[in-house]
Amino acid sequence: MGEIADAGILIRDGVIEAIGPREGMSVPVDTNETIATDKSAIPGFIDVHIHGAGGRDVMEATPEAMATVTRTVARHGTTSIVATTVTASADDICRSSEGIAKYIAMQHESDQARAEVLGIHFEGPFLSAIRRGVHPAEWLRPPSAELLERLLAAAGGNARILTIAPELLGAMPCIDAARKAGVVVAIGHTDATYEQARAAIAHGAHHAVHVYNAMRPFSHRDSGVLGAILTTPNVTAELIADGVHVEEAAMRLQKQA
């Protein structure tokens, strides 16, 4: 994918029909042309880790809350999201998942501009107490294939991502169960060693959540989970690139890895 310096975008009935150089683009004779040489057009953003927007949280899982979130992010160029839960009681996570699943089923009934909810990202409760961040300690749970099955059932086929700390007892069977269910397994909120992270990757964990943050720090004698993530080409990696959570040199290091 590259930049088209003098691009034309053909839109018919609200749908993009063609994109290419304006010179030589074939358009209907009655086409209305809008000149926007001072603007840039880019593909919509896909946010795979978002808890809320517009003052609402996806854990509320009501149609009103979800509509506010999706309308808000759409105004900033995000066209799709994976609604992300937080660590809470199993009942609360299931309740939220059921509500999000209901919203997903009816989201296309509205003609309002809003981002599409692609599914659910379970961030917790299978997280490290040492690297839990803002996740409530009282609701953290050891990885359990049985509890995962309950969460997946509540999601109604809409589970997309599971964040897990691979060093926890029971993590590997849970990773196996998630992968069998077609869920992307992400390493996050973890104090894992290099070996523990590599074991999770071998079991199918191929994503990493907000790299550097809520992770065991890197050391030249103990590279830990970061060493595993940054040296494994088939692991995709999130980054909070706001200039606050991660400093610029660390961002460049991750980009080059």
Protein backbone atom coordinates (compact mmCIF):
# COMPACT_ATOMS: atom_id res chain seq x y z
CA MET A 1 0.00 0.00 0.00
CA GLY A 2 1.39 3.39 -0.99
CA GLU A 3 0.37 7.00 -1.30
CA ILE A 4 -1.56 8.22 -4.35
CA ALA A 5 -0.52 11.84 -4.70
CA ASP A 6 -3.36 13.02 -6.95
CA ALA A 7 -6.10 10.58 -6.08
CA GLY A 8 -9.70 10.34 -7.05
CA ILE A 9 -12.35 8.52 -5.02
CA LEU A 10 -15.53 7.50 -6.82
CA ILE A 11 -18.50 7.20 -4.45
CA ARG A 12 -21.84 5.83 -5.61
CA ASP A 13 -24.86 5.71 -3.25
CA GLY A 14 -22.61 6.27 -0.24
CA VAL A 15 -20.27 3.40 -1.12
CA ILE A 16 -16.68 3.78 -2.35
CA GLU A 17 -16.63 2.22 -5.80
CA ALA A 18 -13.12 3.04 -7.00
CA ILE A 19 -9.88 4.68 -5.86
CA GLY A 20 -6.98 5.63 -8.11
CA PRO A 21 -5.17 8.45 -9.88
CA ARG A 22 -7.63 11.15 -10.98
CA GLU A 23 -6.04 11.26 -14.41
CA GLY A 24 -7.56 8.51 -16.47
CA MET A 25 -10.30 7.64 -13.92
CA SER A 26 -13.54 6.79 -15.71
CA VAL A 27 -16.56 8.44 -14.10
CA PRO A 28 -20.22 8.81 -15.13
CA VAL A 29 -21.01 12.00 -17.03
CA ASP A 30 -23.42 13.28 -14.36
CA THR A 31 -20.89 12.88 -11.53
CA ASN A 32 -20.63 15.73 -9.01
CA GLU A 33 -16.98 16.49 -8.29
CA THR A 34 -15.75 17.72 -4.93
CA ILE A 35 -12.24 19.14 -4.85
CA ALA A 36 -10.46 18.38 -1.57
CA THR A 37 -6.79 18.92 -2.36
CA ASP A 38 -6.15 20.07 1.20
CA LYS A 39 -7.39 16.76 2.66
CA SER A 40 -6.00 13.26 3.04
CA ALA A 41 -8.05 10.07 2.81
CA ILE A 42 -6.87 6.99 4.67
CA PRO A 43 -8.41 3.61 5.52
CA GLY A 44 -10.49 3.61 8.69
CA PHE A 45 -8.78 2.61 11.92
CA ILE A 46 -9.55 -0.76 13.55
CA ASP A 47 -9.24 -0.61 17.33
CA VAL A 48 -8.82 -4.09 18.82
CA HIS A 49 -8.50 -2.86 22.40
CA ILE A 50 -10.98 -0.22 23.53
CA HIS A 51 -12.95 0.02 26.77
CA GLY A 52 -15.15 2.99 26.00
CA ALA A 53 -15.54 6.50 24.60
CA GLY A 54 -17.80 9.51 24.90
CA GLY A 55 -18.11 9.01 28.65
CA ARG A 56 -19.52 5.49 28.31
CA ASP A 57 -17.97 2.07 28.97
CA VAL A 58 -18.55 -1.13 26.99
CA MET A 59 -19.02 -2.96 30.30
CA GLU A 60 -22.35 -1.13 30.56
CA ALA A 61 -23.29 -3.08 27.42
CA THR A 62 -26.58 -1.23 26.90
CA PRO A 63 -27.62 -0.18 23.40
CA GLU A 64 -27.32 3.45 24.48
CA ALA A 65 -23.79 3.04 25.86
CA MET A 66 -22.58 1.05 22.85
CA ALA A 67 -24.10 3.56 20.42
CA THR A 68 -22.32 6.41 22.19
CA VAL A 69 -19.00 4.59 22.06
CA THR A 70 -19.29 3.67 18.40
CA ARG A 71 -20.53 7.09 17.29
CA THR A 72 -17.75 8.83 19.22
CA VAL A 73 -14.88 6.80 17.75
CA ALA A 74 -16.34 7.06 14.25
CA ARG A 75 -15.98 10.83 14.42
CA HIS A 76 -12.23 10.32 14.91
CA GLY A 77 -11.68 7.93 11.99
CA THR A 78 -12.22 4.54 13.66
CA THR A 79 -14.51 2.35 11.58
CA SER A 80 -14.33 -0.92 13.56
CA ILE A 81 -13.68 -1.92 17.16
CA VAL A 82 -13.33 -4.99 19.32
CA ALA A 83 -15.19 -4.11 22.54
CA THR A 84 -12.89 -4.87 25.47
CA THR A 85 -14.09 -5.99 28.87
CA VAL A 86 -12.19 -5.51 32.13
CA THR A 87 -11.55 -7.82 35.05
CA ALA A 88 -14.73 -8.17 37.10
CA SER A 89 -16.82 -10.94 38.58
CA ALA A 90 -17.63 -13.77 36.20
CA ASP A 91 -21.30 -12.78 36.39
CA ASP A 92 -20.54 -9.18 35.43
CA ILE A 93 -18.27 -10.15 32.53
CA CYS A 94 -20.92 -12.55 31.24
CA ARG A 95 -23.66 -9.94 31.61
CA SER A 96 -21.60 -7.41 29.66
CA SER A 97 -20.71 -9.98 27.00
CA GLU A 98 -24.35 -10.89 26.49
CA GLY A 99 -25.26 -7.21 26.13
CA ILE A 100 -22.46 -6.57 23.64
CA ALA A 101 -23.48 -9.66 21.66
CA LYS A 102 -27.07 -8.38 21.46
CA TYR A 103 -25.82 -5.01 20.23
CA ILE A 104 -23.65 -6.68 17.58
CA ALA A 105 -26.68 -8.60 16.31
CA MET A 106 -28.73 -5.43 15.77
CA GLN A 107 -26.06 -2.80 15.05
CA HIS A 108 -26.69 -2.69 11.30
CA GLU A 109 -30.35 -1.78 11.83
CA SER A 110 -29.32 1.84 12.41
CA ASP A 111 -28.33 4.18 9.58
CA GLN A 112 -26.36 6.50 11.88
CA ALA A 113 -22.64 6.86 11.27
CA ARG A 114 -20.90 4.64 13.80
CA ALA A 115 -18.07 2.16 14.04
CA GLU A 116 -18.84 -1.52 13.62
CA VAL A 117 -18.32 -3.77 16.65
CA LEU A 118 -16.43 -6.80 15.34
CA GLY A 119 -16.51 -8.80 18.57
CA ILE A 120 -15.38 -8.99 22.17
CA HIS A 121 -11.89 -8.83 23.66
CA PHE A 122 -11.66 -10.41 27.13
CA GLU A 123 -8.96 -8.52 29.05
CA GLY A 124 -9.06 -10.48 32.26
CA PRO A 125 -9.64 -12.13 34.60
CA PHE A 126 -6.62 -14.37 33.81
CA LEU A 127 -4.00 -11.70 34.58
CA SER A 128 -0.94 -11.38 36.81
CA ALA A 129 -1.57 -9.80 40.21
CA ILE A 130 1.91 -8.26 39.98
CA ARG A 131 1.21 -6.64 36.60
CA ARG A 132 -2.53 -6.10 36.92
CA GLY A 133 -2.46 -2.32 36.36
CA VAL A 134 -5.94 -0.94 37.08
CA HIS A 135 -7.63 -4.34 37.03
CA PRO A 136 -9.20 -5.07 40.47
CA ALA A 137 -7.13 -7.62 42.37
CA GLU A 138 -10.17 -9.19 44.02
CA TRP A 139 -11.55 -10.40 40.69
CA LEU A 140 -8.39 -11.90 39.21
CA ARG A 141 -8.72 -15.63 38.64
CA PRO A 142 -6.33 -18.46 37.69
CA PRO A 143 -6.73 -19.44 34.04
CA SER A 144 -9.54 -21.93 33.70
CA ALA A 145 -10.81 -23.61 30.56
CA GLU A 146 -14.16 -24.06 32.34
CA LEU A 147 -14.53 -20.34 33.11
CA LEU A 148 -13.36 -19.52 29.59
CA GLU A 149 -16.08 -21.76 28.20
CA ARG A 150 -18.64 -19.82 30.23
CA LEU A 151 -17.33 -16.50 28.88
CA LEU A 152 -17.35 -17.78 25.32
CA ALA A 153 -20.94 -18.97 25.71
CA ALA A 154 -21.99 -15.54 26.98
CA ALA A 155 -20.30 -13.93 23.97
CA GLY A 156 -22.52 -15.96 21.67
CA GLY A 157 -19.90 -16.58 19.01
CA ASN A 158 -18.53 -13.03 19.19
CA ALA A 159 -15.36 -13.69 21.23
CA ARG A 160 -12.34 -12.52 19.26
CA ILE A 161 -9.41 -11.99 21.67
CA LEU A 162 -8.35 -13.32 25.08
CA THR A 163 -5.60 -11.59 27.05
CA ILE A 164 -3.78 -13.92 29.44
CA ALA A 165 -0.65 -14.01 31.61
CA PRO A 166 1.07 -17.20 30.39
CA GLU A 167 3.08 -17.78 33.59
CA LEU A 168 -0.04 -18.52 35.62
CA LEU A 169 -0.90 -22.09 36.56
CA GLY A 170 -3.42 -23.43 34.07
CA ALA A 171 -2.55 -20.94 31.33
CA MET A 172 -1.51 -23.46 28.70
CA PRO A 173 -4.73 -25.54 28.75
CA CYS A 174 -6.68 -22.26 28.67
CA ILE A 175 -4.68 -21.05 25.67
CA ASP A 176 -5.30 -24.37 23.93
CA ALA A 177 -9.04 -24.12 24.60
CA ALA A 178 -9.18 -20.52 23.33
CA ARG A 179 -7.32 -21.39 20.14
CA LYS A 180 -9.59 -24.39 19.57
CA ALA A 181 -12.54 -22.01 19.81
CA GLY A 182 -10.97 -19.74 17.19
CA VAL A 183 -10.07 -16.96 19.61
CA VAL A 184 -6.87 -14.94 19.20
CA VAL A 185 -4.73 -15.34 22.33
CA ALA A 186 -2.85 -12.27 23.51
CA ILE A 187 -0.05 -12.06 26.05
CA GLY A 188 -0.60 -9.21 28.48
CA HIS A 189 -0.60 -8.04 32.10
CA THR A 190 2.17 -10.54 32.66
CA ASP A 191 5.34 -11.16 34.66
CA ALA A 192 6.36 -14.03 32.37
CA THR A 193 9.94 -15.03 31.77
CA TYR A 194 11.28 -15.43 28.24
CA GLU A 195 10.77 -19.20 28.45
CA GLN A 196 7.20 -18.90 29.72
CA ALA A 197 6.31 -16.43 26.98
CA ARG A 198 7.89 -18.64 24.33
CA ALA A 199 5.86 -21.58 25.60
CA ALA A 200 2.67 -19.57 25.21
CA ILE A 201 3.68 -18.58 21.68
CA ALA A 202 4.31 -22.24 20.88
CA HIS A 203 0.76 -22.98 22.04
CA GLY A 204 -0.65 -20.32 19.70
CA ALA A 205 -0.49 -16.99 21.54
CA HIS A 206 0.37 -14.68 18.64
CA HIS A 207 -0.56 -11.21 19.91
CA ALA A 208 0.74 -8.95 22.69
CA VAL A 209 -1.31 -6.35 24.55
CA HIS A 210 0.01 -2.79 25.10
CA VAL A 211 3.65 -3.85 24.83
CA TYR A 212 5.95 -2.55 27.60
CA ASN A 213 3.02 -1.55 29.81
CA ALA A 214 1.96 -3.99 32.55
CA MET A 215 4.80 -6.33 31.58
CA ARG A 216 7.96 -7.65 33.19
CA PRO A 217 10.72 -5.10 32.42
CA PHE A 218 13.48 -5.92 29.94
CA SER A 219 17.02 -6.60 31.13
CA HIS A 220 20.08 -7.68 29.18
CA ARG A 221 20.36 -10.71 31.52
CA ASP A 222 16.63 -11.30 31.78
CA SER A 223 14.87 -10.30 28.57
CA GLY A 224 11.59 -11.76 29.81
CA VAL A 225 8.32 -11.54 27.95
CA LEU A 226 9.52 -8.49 26.01
CA GLY A 227 12.47 -10.45 24.66
CA ALA A 228 10.12 -13.14 23.41
CA ILE A 229 7.69 -10.69 21.82
CA LEU A 230 10.28 -8.51 20.13
CA THR A 231 12.21 -11.42 18.64
CA THR A 232 9.27 -13.46 17.32
CA PRO A 233 8.19 -12.26 13.84
CA ASN A 234 4.73 -13.86 13.89
CA VAL A 235 3.63 -12.09 17.09
CA THR A 236 1.66 -8.91 16.48
CA ALA A 237 2.11 -6.22 19.08
CA GLU A 238 -0.10 -3.40 20.38
CA LEU A 239 1.44 -0.12 21.46
CA ILE A 240 -0.10 2.84 23.31
CA ALA A 241 1.49 5.45 21.08
CA ASP A 242 0.36 8.56 22.93
CA GLY A 243 3.86 9.67 23.91
CA VAL A 244 3.00 9.15 27.58
CA HIS A 245 2.74 5.40 28.12
CA VAL A 246 5.80 4.62 25.98
CA GLU A 247 8.69 6.92 25.11
CA GLU A 248 9.77 7.51 21.52
CA ALA A 249 12.93 5.38 21.44
CA ALA A 250 11.02 2.38 22.78
CA MET A 251 8.41 2.89 20.06
CA ARG A 252 11.11 2.87 17.40
CA LEU A 253 12.68 -0.25 18.91
CA GLN A 254 9.37 -2.09 18.71
CA LYS A 255 8.79 -0.93 15.13
CA GLN A 256 12.17 -2.26 14.06
CA ALA A 257 11.78 -5.59 15.85
